[in-house]
Amino acid sequence: QILRHSRENSTKVIFLITDGYSNGGDPRPVAASLRDFGVEIFTFGIWQGNIRELNDMASTPKEEHCYLLHSFEEFEALAR
């Protein structure tokens, strides 16, 4: 809903930060519809999570949009 009200010519980006497990339902169809809308999706998750789901939600090329870390501490270091 938020992105629907953004400027037409702006780049739309979502950063999904997760422990790697969705909390209900399959989020991949929503991610696919966002990508179809022109949204670029980056996923950041922890290795022990659902890696396939994170990879499926990320934009292409996957190696530039899907990042897997070993722990939240490692993610904190990346953010700094």
Protein backbone atom coordinates (compact mmCIF):
# COMPACT_ATOMS: atom_id res chain seq x y z
CA GLN A 1 0.00 0.00 0.00
CA ILE A 2 2.83 2.40 0.85
CA LEU A 3 4.53 1.97 -2.51
CA ARG A 4 1.31 2.59 -4.43
CA HIS A 5 1.47 6.22 -3.31
CA SER A 6 5.12 6.78 -4.26
CA ARG A 7 6.23 8.91 -7.19
CA GLU A 8 5.76 7.11 -10.52
CA ASN A 9 9.32 7.60 -11.71
CA SER A 10 10.99 6.70 -8.39
CA THR A 11 12.89 3.47 -7.78
CA LYS A 12 10.97 1.24 -5.40
CA VAL A 13 13.03 -0.98 -3.09
CA ILE A 14 12.20 -3.27 -0.18
CA PHE A 15 14.77 -4.63 2.27
CA LEU A 16 13.41 -7.76 3.94
CA ILE A 17 15.32 -8.55 7.15
CA THR A 18 14.32 -11.81 8.80
CA ASP A 19 15.40 -14.77 10.88
CA GLY A 20 14.46 -16.74 7.78
CA TYR A 21 11.07 -18.06 8.85
CA SER A 22 7.75 -16.58 7.78
CA ASN A 23 5.09 -16.23 10.47
CA GLY A 24 2.15 -17.50 8.52
CA GLY A 25 1.34 -18.18 4.93
CA ASP A 26 3.69 -18.25 1.97
CA PRO A 27 5.14 -14.76 1.35
CA ARG A 28 6.49 -15.66 -2.12
CA PRO A 29 3.31 -14.77 -4.08
CA VAL A 30 3.27 -11.31 -2.48
CA ALA A 31 6.95 -10.86 -3.33
CA ALA A 32 6.25 -11.92 -6.93
CA SER A 33 3.44 -9.37 -7.27
CA LEU A 34 5.69 -6.64 -5.83
CA ARG A 35 8.43 -7.52 -8.33
CA ASP A 36 5.82 -7.44 -11.13
CA PHE A 37 4.92 -3.94 -9.90
CA GLY A 38 8.58 -2.98 -10.39
CA VAL A 39 9.79 -3.25 -6.80
CA GLU A 40 13.38 -4.39 -6.27
CA ILE A 41 13.58 -6.78 -3.30
CA PHE A 42 16.69 -7.45 -1.22
CA THR A 43 16.49 -10.23 1.37
CA PHE A 44 18.73 -10.59 4.42
CA GLY A 45 18.38 -13.72 6.51
CA ILE A 46 20.10 -16.14 8.84
CA TRP A 47 21.51 -19.40 7.43
CA GLN A 48 19.40 -21.72 9.57
CA GLY A 49 16.22 -20.14 8.18
CA ASN A 50 14.25 -20.99 5.08
CA ILE A 51 16.96 -20.20 2.53
CA ARG A 52 14.89 -21.25 -0.48
CA GLU A 53 12.06 -18.90 0.51
CA LEU A 54 14.47 -15.96 0.93
CA ASN A 55 16.06 -16.69 -2.44
CA ASP A 56 12.68 -17.01 -4.15
CA MET A 57 11.53 -13.62 -2.81
CA ALA A 58 14.68 -11.72 -3.83
CA SER A 59 14.95 -9.90 -7.15
CA THR A 60 17.36 -11.08 -9.82
CA PRO A 61 20.23 -11.52 -10.06
CA LYS A 62 19.83 -13.50 -6.83
CA GLU A 63 23.50 -13.28 -5.86
CA GLU A 64 23.15 -9.49 -5.68
CA HIS A 65 19.80 -9.45 -3.86
CA CYS A 66 19.85 -12.35 -1.37
CA TYR A 67 22.25 -12.19 1.57
CA LEU A 68 22.63 -14.95 4.15
CA LEU A 69 24.46 -14.44 7.43
CA HIS A 70 25.44 -16.87 10.13
CA SER A 71 24.01 -14.87 13.06
CA PHE A 72 22.31 -11.64 14.04
CA GLU A 73 25.69 -10.49 15.39
CA GLU A 74 27.12 -10.86 11.89
CA PHE A 75 24.19 -8.89 10.52
CA GLU A 76 24.83 -6.12 13.05
CA ALA A 77 28.46 -5.96 11.93
CA LEU A 78 27.33 -5.72 8.28
CA ALA A 79 24.94 -2.89 9.13
CA ARG A 80 27.71 -0.91 10.81
